[in-house]
Amino acid sequence: MDLITASLPGLLNGLAITVVLGGVSFALGFLIGGLIALARISRFGALKVAAIAYVSVFRGTPLLIQLMLVYFGLPQLGVRVPPIPSAILAFTLYSAAYMSENLRGGVLAVHAGQWEAAGSLGMPYHRIMRRIIFPQALRVATPAIGSRFIALMKDTSLASVITVVELTRVAESVGSSSFRYVEAFVIAGVVYWLVNGLLSAGQEVLERRMARAYA
């Protein structure tokens, strides 16, 4: 109990950094993933090939390697990026690849007749996507996207290897200073579990509301 009390301020600061890393990366990844999903279903061959290549690379390589390449590779190109923005960039690019597939699957799940009906009314492509297709695709993709957010929150622990003082890094520091590594990492694990439990509960509520809206 004394370890929890002594380390609480640091853990809360680390948790705040973890939430920022996960939240910002998720939001940016969702936006980029949406654009990639549109490129995947595009009629333009070059866009489709580029999107397929992007998804293949970022889903087919470990996140840790991507994080290291961003953090150590950009300075060699003359671009110096601090640890937190480097982590956000790596997490964003990684999560965008996964969410693009979630969103693409949602779009493809919408019945083709709705495309045809909207097209027969003379609606332009962007309006069909915004008003008819994308809301339904988002409902279909919500479970997978929610799971990706939860996974991303856990993946943020990798930022500790590039000196980002998030929750895992704080736990490591507490363990190093107190020589009580097991307790420190157990506390951090419990915090991750609680946060992801709240996210899971929120996801279930959102899914039920969306199901009622389209019932």
N, C-alpha and C. Protein backbone atom coordinates (compact mmCIF):
# COMPACT_ATOMS: atom_id res chain seq x y z
N MET A 1 0.83 -1.21 0.00
CA MET A 1 0.00 0.00 0.00
C MET A 1 0.86 1.26 0.00
N ASP A 2 1.98 1.19 0.73
CA ASP A 2 2.86 2.35 0.79
C ASP A 2 3.46 2.65 -0.57
N LEU A 3 3.72 1.60 -1.36
CA LEU A 3 4.27 1.81 -2.69
C LEU A 3 3.26 2.51 -3.59
N ILE A 4 1.99 2.14 -3.47
CA ILE A 4 0.94 2.78 -4.26
C ILE A 4 0.84 4.26 -3.90
N THR A 5 0.85 4.54 -2.60
CA THR A 5 0.73 5.93 -2.15
C THR A 5 1.90 6.77 -2.63
N ALA A 6 3.11 6.21 -2.51
CA ALA A 6 4.30 6.96 -2.89
C ALA A 6 4.39 7.18 -4.40
N SER A 7 3.92 6.22 -5.15
CA SER A 7 4.08 6.30 -6.61
C SER A 7 2.85 6.84 -7.32
N LEU A 8 1.78 7.15 -6.58
CA LEU A 8 0.52 7.56 -7.21
C LEU A 8 0.66 8.78 -8.12
N PRO A 9 1.33 9.87 -7.69
CA PRO A 9 1.45 11.03 -8.59
C PRO A 9 2.12 10.68 -9.91
N GLY A 10 3.21 9.92 -9.82
CA GLY A 10 3.90 9.52 -11.04
C GLY A 10 3.06 8.63 -11.92
N LEU A 11 2.33 7.70 -11.30
CA LEU A 11 1.47 6.80 -12.06
C LEU A 11 0.35 7.56 -12.78
N LEU A 12 -0.21 8.55 -12.09
CA LEU A 12 -1.27 9.35 -12.71
C LEU A 12 -0.73 10.16 -13.89
N ASN A 13 0.47 10.71 -13.72
CA ASN A 13 1.09 11.43 -14.84
C ASN A 13 1.36 10.49 -16.02
N GLY A 14 1.87 9.30 -15.68
CA GLY A 14 2.12 8.31 -16.72
C GLY A 14 0.84 7.88 -17.41
N LEU A 15 -0.23 7.73 -16.63
CA LEU A 15 -1.52 7.36 -17.21
C LEU A 15 -2.02 8.45 -18.15
N ALA A 16 -1.82 9.70 -17.77
CA ALA A 16 -2.25 10.81 -18.63
C ALA A 16 -1.53 10.76 -19.97
N ILE A 17 -0.22 10.50 -19.94
CA ILE A 17 0.55 10.39 -21.18
C ILE A 17 0.05 9.21 -22.01
N THR A 18 -0.24 8.09 -21.33
CA THR A 18 -0.76 6.91 -22.03
C THR A 18 -2.08 7.22 -22.73
N VAL A 19 -2.97 7.93 -22.04
CA VAL A 19 -4.27 8.28 -22.63
C VAL A 19 -4.08 9.21 -23.82
N VAL A 20 -3.17 10.16 -23.70
CA VAL A 20 -2.90 11.08 -24.82
C VAL A 20 -2.35 10.31 -26.02
N LEU A 21 -1.38 9.44 -25.77
CA LEU A 21 -0.81 8.64 -26.85
C LEU A 21 -1.89 7.82 -27.56
N GLY A 22 -2.69 7.12 -26.75
CA GLY A 22 -3.72 6.26 -27.33
C GLY A 22 -4.82 7.05 -28.01
N GLY A 23 -5.30 8.11 -27.35
CA GLY A 23 -6.42 8.87 -27.89
C GLY A 23 -6.08 9.61 -29.17
N VAL A 24 -4.95 10.31 -29.17
CA VAL A 24 -4.56 11.07 -30.37
C VAL A 24 -4.23 10.13 -31.52
N SER A 25 -3.51 9.06 -31.23
CA SER A 25 -3.14 8.10 -32.28
C SER A 25 -4.38 7.43 -32.86
N PHE A 26 -5.35 7.13 -32.01
CA PHE A 26 -6.58 6.51 -32.49
C PHE A 26 -7.35 7.46 -33.40
N ALA A 27 -7.50 8.71 -32.97
CA ALA A 27 -8.26 9.68 -33.76
C ALA A 27 -7.61 9.90 -35.12
N LEU A 28 -6.30 10.11 -35.13
CA LEU A 28 -5.60 10.32 -36.40
C LEU A 28 -5.61 9.05 -37.25
N GLY A 29 -5.44 7.91 -36.59
CA GLY A 29 -5.46 6.64 -37.32
C GLY A 29 -6.81 6.37 -37.95
N PHE A 30 -7.87 6.78 -37.26
CA PHE A 30 -9.22 6.60 -37.81
C PHE A 30 -9.40 7.44 -39.07
N LEU A 31 -8.95 8.68 -39.02
CA LEU A 31 -9.08 9.56 -40.19
C LEU A 31 -8.26 9.04 -41.37
N ILE A 32 -7.01 8.70 -41.10
CA ILE A 32 -6.15 8.19 -42.18
C ILE A 32 -6.67 6.84 -42.67
N GLY A 33 -7.12 6.01 -41.73
CA GLY A 33 -7.67 4.71 -42.11
C GLY A 33 -8.89 4.85 -43.01
N GLY A 34 -9.71 5.86 -42.74
CA GLY A 34 -10.87 6.10 -43.60
C GLY A 34 -10.46 6.45 -45.02
N LEU A 35 -9.42 7.28 -45.15
CA LEU A 35 -8.93 7.64 -46.49
C LEU A 35 -8.34 6.43 -47.21
N ILE A 36 -7.62 5.60 -46.45
CA ILE A 36 -7.04 4.40 -47.06
C ILE A 36 -8.13 3.44 -47.50
N ALA A 37 -9.18 3.33 -46.67
CA ALA A 37 -10.31 2.46 -47.04
C ALA A 37 -10.96 2.93 -48.34
N LEU A 38 -11.12 4.24 -48.47
CA LEU A 38 -11.67 4.79 -49.71
C LEU A 38 -10.76 4.49 -50.90
N ALA A 39 -9.45 4.57 -50.67
CA ALA A 39 -8.51 4.25 -51.74
C ALA A 39 -8.59 2.78 -52.13
N ARG A 40 -8.82 1.91 -51.13
CA ARG A 40 -8.91 0.47 -51.40
C ARG A 40 -10.10 0.13 -52.28
N ILE A 41 -11.20 0.87 -52.12
CA ILE A 41 -12.40 0.57 -52.92
C ILE A 41 -12.51 1.49 -54.13
N SER A 42 -11.48 2.29 -54.35
CA SER A 42 -11.48 3.23 -55.47
C SER A 42 -11.35 2.50 -56.80
N ARG A 43 -11.81 3.15 -57.85
CA ARG A 43 -11.66 2.61 -59.20
C ARG A 43 -10.30 2.96 -59.80
N PHE A 44 -9.55 3.82 -59.12
CA PHE A 44 -8.24 4.23 -59.61
C PHE A 44 -7.20 3.19 -59.18
N GLY A 45 -6.62 2.53 -60.16
CA GLY A 45 -5.69 1.44 -59.88
C GLY A 45 -4.50 1.84 -59.04
N ALA A 46 -3.92 3.02 -59.33
CA ALA A 46 -2.73 3.46 -58.59
C ALA A 46 -3.04 3.67 -57.12
N LEU A 47 -4.19 4.29 -56.83
CA LEU A 47 -4.59 4.49 -55.43
C LEU A 47 -4.79 3.16 -54.73
N LYS A 48 -5.45 2.24 -55.40
CA LYS A 48 -5.73 0.94 -54.80
C LYS A 48 -4.44 0.18 -54.50
N VAL A 49 -3.51 0.20 -55.44
CA VAL A 49 -2.23 -0.49 -55.24
C VAL A 49 -1.46 0.14 -54.09
N ALA A 50 -1.43 1.47 -54.03
CA ALA A 50 -0.72 2.16 -52.95
C ALA A 50 -1.33 1.82 -51.60
N ALA A 51 -2.67 1.78 -51.53
CA ALA A 51 -3.34 1.45 -50.27
C ALA A 51 -3.06 0.02 -49.86
N ILE A 52 -3.09 -0.89 -50.81
CA ILE A 52 -2.80 -2.30 -50.51
C ILE A 52 -1.38 -2.45 -49.99
N ALA A 53 -0.43 -1.74 -50.62
CA ALA A 53 0.97 -1.81 -50.19
C ALA A 53 1.13 -1.25 -48.78
N TYR A 54 0.46 -0.13 -48.50
CA TYR A 54 0.53 0.48 -47.16
C TYR A 54 0.04 -0.50 -46.11
N VAL A 55 -1.13 -1.06 -46.34
CA VAL A 55 -1.71 -1.98 -45.36
C VAL A 55 -0.82 -3.20 -45.17
N SER A 56 -0.28 -3.72 -46.25
CA SER A 56 0.57 -4.90 -46.17
C SER A 56 1.82 -4.63 -45.34
N VAL A 57 2.44 -3.48 -45.56
CA VAL A 57 3.68 -3.15 -44.84
C VAL A 57 3.42 -2.94 -43.36
N PHE A 58 2.42 -2.14 -43.03
CA PHE A 58 2.22 -1.78 -41.63
C PHE A 58 1.53 -2.87 -40.82
N ARG A 59 0.79 -3.75 -41.47
CA ARG A 59 0.23 -4.89 -40.76
C ARG A 59 1.20 -6.06 -40.71
N GLY A 60 2.15 -6.07 -41.62
CA GLY A 60 3.06 -7.21 -41.73
C GLY A 60 4.37 -7.05 -41.00
N THR A 61 4.59 -5.91 -40.36
CA THR A 61 5.83 -5.69 -39.61
C THR A 61 5.50 -5.34 -38.16
N PRO A 62 6.38 -5.69 -37.21
CA PRO A 62 6.10 -5.42 -35.80
C PRO A 62 6.02 -3.92 -35.50
N LEU A 63 5.12 -3.57 -34.62
CA LEU A 63 4.97 -2.17 -34.23
C LEU A 63 6.25 -1.63 -33.61
N LEU A 64 6.95 -2.45 -32.84
CA LEU A 64 8.18 -1.98 -32.20
C LEU A 64 9.21 -1.55 -33.25
N ILE A 65 9.33 -2.31 -34.32
CA ILE A 65 10.27 -1.95 -35.38
C ILE A 65 9.85 -0.64 -36.04
N GLN A 66 8.56 -0.48 -36.28
CA GLN A 66 8.06 0.77 -36.86
C GLN A 66 8.36 1.95 -35.95
N LEU A 67 8.18 1.75 -34.65
CA LEU A 67 8.46 2.81 -33.68
C LEU A 67 9.94 3.18 -33.70
N MET A 68 10.81 2.18 -33.75
CA MET A 68 12.24 2.44 -33.79
C MET A 68 12.64 3.16 -35.08
N LEU A 69 12.05 2.76 -36.19
CA LEU A 69 12.38 3.40 -37.46
C LEU A 69 11.98 4.87 -37.47
N VAL A 70 10.83 5.17 -36.89
CA VAL A 70 10.39 6.57 -36.82
C VAL A 70 11.32 7.37 -35.91
N TYR A 71 11.61 6.82 -34.73
CA TYR A 71 12.37 7.57 -33.72
C TYR A 71 13.84 7.75 -34.12
N PHE A 72 14.44 6.69 -34.67
CA PHE A 72 15.86 6.76 -35.02
C PHE A 72 16.08 7.09 -36.50
N GLY A 73 15.07 6.82 -37.33
CA GLY A 73 15.25 7.04 -38.76
C GLY A 73 15.05 8.47 -39.20
N LEU A 74 14.05 9.14 -38.64
CA LEU A 74 13.78 10.52 -39.05
C LEU A 74 14.97 11.46 -38.80
N PRO A 75 15.67 11.36 -37.65
CA PRO A 75 16.84 12.23 -37.46
C PRO A 75 17.91 12.04 -38.52
N GLN A 76 18.04 10.84 -39.06
CA GLN A 76 19.02 10.61 -40.12
C GLN A 76 18.62 11.30 -41.42
N LEU A 77 17.34 11.63 -41.52
CA LEU A 77 16.85 12.38 -42.69
C LEU A 77 16.83 13.88 -42.42
N GLY A 78 17.36 14.28 -41.26
CA GLY A 78 17.40 15.69 -40.91
C GLY A 78 16.16 16.19 -40.21
N VAL A 79 15.27 15.28 -39.82
CA VAL A 79 14.02 15.66 -39.14
C VAL A 79 14.09 15.15 -37.71
N ARG A 80 14.21 16.06 -36.76
CA ARG A 80 14.29 15.66 -35.36
C ARG A 80 12.91 15.79 -34.72
N VAL A 81 12.40 14.68 -34.26
CA VAL A 81 11.07 14.63 -33.66
C VAL A 81 11.20 14.14 -32.23
N PRO A 82 10.64 14.86 -31.25
CA PRO A 82 10.71 14.42 -29.85
C PRO A 82 10.04 13.06 -29.66
N PRO A 83 10.30 12.41 -28.52
CA PRO A 83 9.77 11.05 -28.30
C PRO A 83 8.26 10.93 -28.40
N ILE A 84 7.51 11.84 -27.75
CA ILE A 84 6.05 11.69 -27.76
C ILE A 84 5.47 11.83 -29.17
N PRO A 85 5.81 12.88 -29.94
CA PRO A 85 5.32 12.93 -31.32
C PRO A 85 5.77 11.74 -32.16
N SER A 86 6.99 11.25 -31.92
CA SER A 86 7.46 10.07 -32.65
C SER A 86 6.56 8.87 -32.37
N ALA A 87 6.23 8.69 -31.10
CA ALA A 87 5.36 7.57 -30.72
C ALA A 87 3.98 7.73 -31.34
N ILE A 88 3.43 8.94 -31.29
CA ILE A 88 2.10 9.17 -31.87
C ILE A 88 2.12 8.89 -33.37
N LEU A 89 3.17 9.32 -34.05
CA LEU A 89 3.27 9.08 -35.49
C LEU A 89 3.30 7.59 -35.80
N ALA A 90 4.13 6.85 -35.07
CA ALA A 90 4.24 5.41 -35.31
C ALA A 90 2.92 4.70 -35.00
N PHE A 91 2.31 5.03 -33.87
CA PHE A 91 1.04 4.39 -33.50
C PHE A 91 -0.07 4.75 -34.49
N THR A 92 -0.04 5.99 -34.98
CA THR A 92 -1.06 6.42 -35.94
C THR A 92 -0.96 5.63 -37.24
N LEU A 93 0.25 5.54 -37.79
CA LEU A 93 0.44 4.83 -39.05
C LEU A 93 0.07 3.36 -38.91
N TYR A 94 0.42 2.78 -37.77
CA TYR A 94 0.13 1.37 -37.52
C TYR A 94 -1.37 1.12 -37.39
N SER A 95 -2.02 1.92 -36.57
CA SER A 95 -3.45 1.71 -36.34
C SER A 95 -4.27 2.04 -37.58
N ALA A 96 -3.81 2.99 -38.39
CA ALA A 96 -4.53 3.34 -39.62
C ALA A 96 -4.62 2.15 -40.56
N ALA A 97 -3.57 1.35 -40.62
CA ALA A 97 -3.59 0.17 -41.50
C ALA A 97 -4.68 -0.80 -41.08
N TYR A 98 -4.81 -1.01 -39.78
CA TYR A 98 -5.83 -1.95 -39.29
C TYR A 98 -7.23 -1.37 -39.43
N MET A 99 -7.40 -0.11 -39.06
CA MET A 99 -8.74 0.47 -39.13
C MET A 99 -9.22 0.65 -40.56
N SER A 100 -8.30 0.82 -41.49
CA SER A 100 -8.71 0.91 -42.89
C SER A 100 -9.40 -0.38 -43.32
N GLU A 101 -8.89 -1.51 -42.87
CA GLU A 101 -9.51 -2.79 -43.21
C GLU A 101 -10.84 -2.96 -42.50
N ASN A 102 -10.93 -2.49 -41.26
CA ASN A 102 -12.21 -2.55 -40.54
C ASN A 102 -13.27 -1.73 -41.28
N LEU A 103 -12.90 -0.53 -41.69
CA LEU A 103 -13.85 0.35 -42.38
C LEU A 103 -14.17 -0.16 -43.78
N ARG A 104 -13.18 -0.68 -44.46
CA ARG A 104 -13.43 -1.23 -45.79
C ARG A 104 -14.41 -2.40 -45.71
N GLY A 105 -14.22 -3.25 -44.70
CA GLY A 105 -15.15 -4.36 -44.52
C GLY A 105 -16.56 -3.88 -44.24
N GLY A 106 -16.66 -2.78 -43.47
CA GLY A 106 -17.98 -2.22 -43.19
C GLY A 106 -18.64 -1.68 -44.43
N VAL A 107 -17.87 -1.01 -45.28
CA VAL A 107 -18.42 -0.46 -46.53
C VAL A 107 -18.89 -1.59 -47.44
N LEU A 108 -18.08 -2.64 -47.56
CA LEU A 108 -18.44 -3.75 -48.43
C LEU A 108 -19.64 -4.53 -47.91
N ALA A 109 -19.91 -4.40 -46.60
CA ALA A 109 -21.06 -5.11 -46.02
C ALA A 109 -22.39 -4.44 -46.35
N VAL A 110 -22.35 -3.18 -46.76
CA VAL A 110 -23.58 -2.47 -47.13
C VAL A 110 -24.11 -3.04 -48.44
N HIS A 111 -25.39 -3.33 -48.48
CA HIS A 111 -25.99 -3.96 -49.66
C HIS A 111 -25.79 -3.10 -50.90
N ALA A 112 -25.42 -3.75 -51.99
CA ALA A 112 -25.15 -3.02 -53.24
C ALA A 112 -26.37 -2.27 -53.74
N GLY A 113 -27.55 -2.74 -53.38
CA GLY A 113 -28.77 -2.07 -53.82
C GLY A 113 -28.87 -0.65 -53.33
N GLN A 114 -28.26 -0.36 -52.17
CA GLN A 114 -28.32 1.00 -51.64
C GLN A 114 -27.46 1.94 -52.47
N TRP A 115 -26.32 1.44 -52.96
CA TRP A 115 -25.51 2.23 -53.88
C TRP A 115 -26.32 2.56 -55.14
N GLU A 116 -26.96 1.53 -55.67
CA GLU A 116 -27.70 1.69 -56.92
C GLU A 116 -28.89 2.64 -56.75
N ALA A 117 -29.59 2.50 -55.62
CA ALA A 117 -30.75 3.36 -55.39
C ALA A 117 -30.34 4.82 -55.26
N ALA A 118 -29.26 5.06 -54.50
CA ALA A 118 -28.78 6.43 -54.33
C ALA A 118 -28.28 7.00 -55.65
N GLY A 119 -27.59 6.16 -56.42
CA GLY A 119 -27.08 6.61 -57.71
C GLY A 119 -28.20 6.95 -58.68
N SER A 120 -29.29 6.18 -58.61
CA SER A 120 -30.42 6.44 -59.51
C SER A 120 -31.11 7.76 -59.19
N LEU A 121 -30.92 8.24 -57.95
CA LEU A 121 -31.49 9.53 -57.56
C LEU A 121 -30.59 10.70 -57.93
N GLY A 122 -29.45 10.38 -58.51
CA GLY A 122 -28.53 11.43 -58.95
C GLY A 122 -27.62 11.96 -57.85
N MET A 123 -27.52 11.25 -56.74
CA MET A 123 -26.66 11.71 -55.65
C MET A 123 -25.20 11.53 -56.04
N PRO A 124 -24.36 12.53 -55.79
CA PRO A 124 -22.93 12.37 -56.08
C PRO A 124 -22.28 11.38 -55.12
N TYR A 125 -21.12 10.88 -55.53
CA TYR A 125 -20.43 9.83 -54.77
C TYR A 125 -20.17 10.24 -53.33
N HIS A 126 -19.65 11.46 -53.13
CA HIS A 126 -19.28 11.88 -51.78
C HIS A 126 -20.50 11.97 -50.87
N ARG A 127 -21.65 12.35 -51.43
CA ARG A 127 -22.85 12.44 -50.61
C ARG A 127 -23.39 11.05 -50.28
N ILE A 128 -23.31 10.14 -51.23
CA ILE A 128 -23.72 8.75 -50.98
C ILE A 128 -22.90 8.17 -49.84
N MET A 129 -21.59 8.39 -49.89
CA MET A 129 -20.71 7.86 -48.85
C MET A 129 -21.03 8.49 -47.50
N ARG A 130 -21.19 9.82 -47.48
CA ARG A 130 -21.36 10.52 -46.21
C ARG A 130 -22.71 10.25 -45.56
N ARG A 131 -23.76 10.20 -46.34
CA ARG A 131 -25.10 10.12 -45.77
C ARG A 131 -25.67 8.71 -45.69
N ILE A 132 -25.24 7.83 -46.57
CA ILE A 132 -25.87 6.51 -46.64
C ILE A 132 -24.90 5.39 -46.29
N ILE A 133 -23.78 5.33 -46.96
CA ILE A 133 -22.90 4.17 -46.83
C ILE A 133 -22.08 4.22 -45.55
N PHE A 134 -21.40 5.36 -45.31
CA PHE A 134 -20.47 5.40 -44.18
C PHE A 134 -21.15 5.21 -42.83
N PRO A 135 -22.31 5.81 -42.56
CA PRO A 135 -22.95 5.55 -41.25
C PRO A 135 -23.23 4.07 -41.01
N GLN A 136 -23.67 3.37 -42.05
CA GLN A 136 -23.93 1.94 -41.89
C GLN A 136 -22.63 1.15 -41.77
N ALA A 137 -21.62 1.55 -42.53
CA ALA A 137 -20.33 0.88 -42.45
C ALA A 137 -19.72 1.05 -41.06
N LEU A 138 -19.89 2.23 -40.49
CA LEU A 138 -19.34 2.49 -39.16
C LEU A 138 -20.02 1.62 -38.12
N ARG A 139 -21.33 1.42 -38.27
CA ARG A 139 -22.03 0.55 -37.32
C ARG A 139 -21.49 -0.88 -37.39
N VAL A 140 -21.26 -1.36 -38.60
CA VAL A 140 -20.73 -2.71 -38.77
C VAL A 140 -19.31 -2.82 -38.22
N ALA A 141 -18.52 -1.77 -38.42
CA ALA A 141 -17.11 -1.81 -38.05
C ALA A 141 -16.85 -1.45 -36.60
N THR A 142 -17.85 -0.94 -35.88
CA THR A 142 -17.63 -0.46 -34.52
C THR A 142 -17.00 -1.50 -33.59
N PRO A 143 -17.47 -2.75 -33.56
CA PRO A 143 -16.82 -3.73 -32.66
C PRO A 143 -15.33 -3.90 -32.94
N ALA A 144 -14.97 -4.00 -34.22
CA ALA A 144 -13.56 -4.19 -34.56
C ALA A 144 -12.75 -2.94 -34.26
N ILE A 145 -13.31 -1.77 -34.53
CA ILE A 145 -12.60 -0.52 -34.26
C ILE A 145 -12.43 -0.32 -32.76
N GLY A 146 -13.47 -0.65 -31.99
CA GLY A 146 -13.36 -0.55 -30.53
C GLY A 146 -12.29 -1.47 -29.99
N SER A 147 -12.22 -2.68 -30.51
CA SER A 147 -11.17 -3.62 -30.09
C SER A 147 -9.79 -3.10 -30.46
N ARG A 148 -9.69 -2.44 -31.61
CA ARG A 148 -8.41 -1.87 -32.02
C ARG A 148 -7.98 -0.75 -31.08
N PHE A 149 -8.94 0.05 -30.61
CA PHE A 149 -8.61 1.12 -29.65
C PHE A 149 -8.08 0.53 -28.36
N ILE A 150 -8.73 -0.51 -27.86
CA ILE A 150 -8.28 -1.16 -26.63
C ILE A 150 -6.88 -1.74 -26.82
N ALA A 151 -6.65 -2.40 -27.96
CA ALA A 151 -5.33 -2.95 -28.23
C ALA A 151 -4.28 -1.84 -28.32
N LEU A 152 -4.67 -0.72 -28.92
CA LEU A 152 -3.74 0.41 -29.06
C LEU A 152 -3.35 0.98 -27.70
N MET A 153 -4.30 1.04 -26.77
CA MET A 153 -3.99 1.53 -25.44
C MET A 153 -2.92 0.67 -24.78
N LYS A 154 -2.98 -0.63 -25.01
CA LYS A 154 -1.95 -1.52 -24.46
C LYS A 154 -0.64 -1.37 -25.23
N ASP A 155 -0.74 -1.17 -26.54
CA ASP A 155 0.46 -1.02 -27.36
C ASP A 155 1.26 0.23 -26.99
N THR A 156 0.61 1.22 -26.39
CA THR A 156 1.34 2.45 -26.03
C THR A 156 2.48 2.18 -25.05
N SER A 157 2.43 1.02 -24.38
CA SER A 157 3.51 0.68 -23.45
C SER A 157 4.85 0.58 -24.17
N LEU A 158 4.82 0.31 -25.48
CA LEU A 158 6.06 0.22 -26.24
C LEU A 158 6.79 1.56 -26.31
N ALA A 159 6.06 2.64 -26.10
CA ALA A 159 6.70 3.97 -26.14
C ALA A 159 7.75 4.12 -25.06
N SER A 160 7.69 3.27 -24.05
CA SER A 160 8.68 3.36 -22.97
C SER A 160 10.10 3.11 -23.48
N VAL A 161 10.23 2.36 -24.58
CA VAL A 161 11.57 2.04 -25.07
C VAL A 161 12.23 3.24 -25.74
N ILE A 162 11.46 4.27 -26.08
CA ILE A 162 12.06 5.48 -26.64
C ILE A 162 11.95 6.63 -25.63
N THR A 163 11.94 6.27 -24.37
CA THR A 163 12.02 7.19 -23.21
C THR A 163 10.77 8.01 -22.98
N VAL A 164 9.64 7.65 -23.57
CA VAL A 164 8.39 8.33 -23.24
C VAL A 164 7.95 7.90 -21.85
N VAL A 165 7.71 8.86 -20.97
CA VAL A 165 7.40 8.54 -19.57
C VAL A 165 5.90 8.28 -19.44
N GLU A 166 5.45 7.18 -20.06
CA GLU A 166 4.06 6.78 -19.92
C GLU A 166 3.96 5.78 -18.76
N LEU A 167 2.84 5.09 -18.66
CA LEU A 167 2.57 4.28 -17.48
C LEU A 167 3.60 3.18 -17.26
N THR A 168 3.97 2.47 -18.30
CA THR A 168 4.95 1.39 -18.15
C THR A 168 6.31 1.93 -17.75
N ARG A 169 6.71 3.05 -18.33
CA ARG A 169 8.00 3.66 -17.99
C ARG A 169 8.02 4.11 -16.53
N VAL A 170 6.90 4.64 -16.06
CA VAL A 170 6.81 5.05 -14.66
C VAL A 170 6.92 3.83 -13.76
N ALA A 171 6.25 2.74 -14.11
CA ALA A 171 6.33 1.52 -13.31
C ALA A 171 7.77 1.00 -13.25
N GLU A 172 8.46 1.07 -14.38
CA GLU A 172 9.86 0.65 -14.41
C GLU A 172 10.71 1.53 -13.50
N SER A 173 10.44 2.83 -13.53
CA SER A 173 11.19 3.76 -12.68
C SER A 173 10.92 3.51 -11.21
N VAL A 174 9.64 3.28 -10.88
CA VAL A 174 9.28 2.99 -9.48
C VAL A 174 9.95 1.70 -9.02
N GLY A 175 9.93 0.68 -9.87
CA GLY A 175 10.58 -0.57 -9.51
C GLY A 175 12.07 -0.41 -9.33
N SER A 176 12.69 0.41 -10.18
CA SER A 176 14.14 0.62 -10.09
C SER A 176 14.53 1.35 -8.82
N SER A 177 13.72 2.32 -8.42
CA SER A 177 14.06 3.12 -7.24
C SER A 177 13.74 2.40 -5.93
N SER A 178 12.76 1.49 -5.97
CA SER A 178 12.34 0.81 -4.74
C SER A 178 12.78 -0.64 -4.69
N PHE A 179 13.32 -1.14 -5.80
CA PHE A 179 13.68 -2.56 -5.93
C PHE A 179 12.47 -3.48 -5.72
N ARG A 180 11.30 -2.98 -6.06
CA ARG A 180 10.06 -3.76 -5.93
C ARG A 180 9.39 -3.79 -7.31
N TYR A 181 10.08 -4.44 -8.23
CA TYR A 181 9.62 -4.47 -9.62
C TYR A 181 8.28 -5.17 -9.77
N VAL A 182 8.12 -6.30 -9.07
CA VAL A 182 6.89 -7.07 -9.22
C VAL A 182 5.68 -6.23 -8.83
N GLU A 183 5.75 -5.60 -7.65
CA GLU A 183 4.62 -4.78 -7.20
C GLU A 183 4.36 -3.62 -8.15
N ALA A 184 5.43 -2.99 -8.62
CA ALA A 184 5.28 -1.83 -9.51
C ALA A 184 4.57 -2.21 -10.81
N PHE A 185 4.99 -3.32 -11.39
CA PHE A 185 4.37 -3.73 -12.66
C PHE A 185 2.98 -4.32 -12.46
N VAL A 186 2.73 -4.92 -11.30
CA VAL A 186 1.37 -5.38 -11.00
C VAL A 186 0.42 -4.18 -10.91
N ILE A 187 0.88 -3.12 -10.24
CA ILE A 187 0.05 -1.91 -10.13
C ILE A 187 -0.24 -1.34 -11.51
N ALA A 188 0.81 -1.26 -12.35
CA ALA A 188 0.61 -0.74 -13.71
C ALA A 188 -0.35 -1.63 -14.49
N GLY A 189 -0.22 -2.94 -14.32
CA GLY A 189 -1.11 -3.86 -15.01
C GLY A 189 -2.55 -3.69 -14.60
N VAL A 190 -2.77 -3.46 -13.31
CA VAL A 190 -4.13 -3.24 -12.82
C VAL A 190 -4.71 -1.96 -13.42
N VAL A 191 -3.88 -0.92 -13.52
CA VAL A 191 -4.36 0.34 -14.10
C VAL A 191 -4.75 0.14 -15.57
N TYR A 192 -3.91 -0.55 -16.33
CA TYR A 192 -4.26 -0.86 -17.72
C TYR A 192 -5.57 -1.63 -17.80
N TRP A 193 -5.72 -2.60 -16.92
CA TRP A 193 -6.93 -3.44 -16.90
C TRP A 193 -8.17 -2.61 -16.62
N LEU A 194 -8.07 -1.70 -15.66
CA LEU A 194 -9.22 -0.85 -15.33
C LEU A 194 -9.57 0.08 -16.49
N VAL A 195 -8.57 0.69 -17.07
CA VAL A 195 -8.81 1.61 -18.19
C VAL A 195 -9.46 0.87 -19.36
N ASN A 196 -8.92 -0.28 -19.70
CA ASN A 196 -9.47 -1.03 -20.83
C ASN A 196 -10.84 -1.62 -20.50
N GLY A 197 -11.08 -1.89 -19.22
CA GLY A 197 -12.42 -2.32 -18.81
C GLY A 197 -13.44 -1.23 -19.04
N LEU A 198 -13.07 0.01 -18.72
CA LEU A 198 -13.96 1.15 -18.97
C LEU A 198 -14.20 1.34 -20.47
N LEU A 199 -13.14 1.18 -21.25
CA LEU A 199 -13.29 1.32 -22.70
C LEU A 199 -14.20 0.23 -23.27
N SER A 200 -14.06 -0.99 -22.76
CA SER A 200 -14.91 -2.09 -23.21
C SER A 200 -16.38 -1.83 -22.88
N ALA A 201 -16.61 -1.32 -21.67
CA ALA A 201 -17.99 -1.00 -21.27
C ALA A 201 -18.56 0.10 -22.16
N GLY A 202 -17.75 1.12 -22.44
CA GLY A 202 -18.20 2.19 -23.32
C GLY A 202 -18.49 1.70 -24.72
N GLN A 203 -17.67 0.77 -25.19
CA GLN A 203 -17.89 0.20 -26.52
C GLN A 203 -19.22 -0.55 -26.58
N GLU A 204 -19.53 -1.31 -25.54
CA GLU A 204 -20.79 -2.06 -25.52
C GLU A 204 -21.99 -1.12 -25.54
N VAL A 205 -21.90 -0.03 -24.77
CA VAL A 205 -22.99 0.96 -24.76
C VAL A 205 -23.17 1.57 -26.14
N LEU A 206 -22.05 1.93 -26.78
CA LEU A 206 -22.11 2.52 -28.11
C LEU A 206 -22.71 1.55 -29.12
N GLU A 207 -22.32 0.29 -29.05
CA GLU A 207 -22.85 -0.70 -29.98
C GLU A 207 -24.35 -0.87 -29.81
N ARG A 208 -24.83 -0.88 -28.56
CA ARG A 208 -26.28 -1.03 -28.33
C ARG A 208 -27.03 0.17 -28.89
N ARG A 209 -26.49 1.38 -28.68
CA ARG A 209 -27.17 2.58 -29.18
C ARG A 209 -27.21 2.60 -30.70
N MET A 210 -26.12 2.20 -31.33
CA MET A 210 -26.09 2.19 -32.79
C MET A 210 -27.02 1.11 -33.34
N ALA A 211 -27.12 -0.01 -32.63
CA ALA A 211 -28.03 -1.08 -33.06
C ALA A 211 -29.48 -0.61 -33.00
N ARG A 212 -29.83 0.14 -31.94
CA ARG A 212 -31.19 0.66 -31.82
C ARG A 212 -31.46 1.71 -32.89
N ALA A 213 -30.45 2.52 -33.20
CA ALA A 213 -30.64 3.59 -34.19
C ALA A 213 -30.92 3.03 -35.57
N TYR A 214 -30.36 1.85 -35.87
CA TYR A 214 -30.54 1.27 -37.20
C TYR A 214 -31.45 0.05 -37.18
N ALA A 215 -32.19 -0.13 -36.05
CA ALA A 215 -33.09 -1.29 -35.96
C ALA A 215 -34.30 -1.10 -36.88
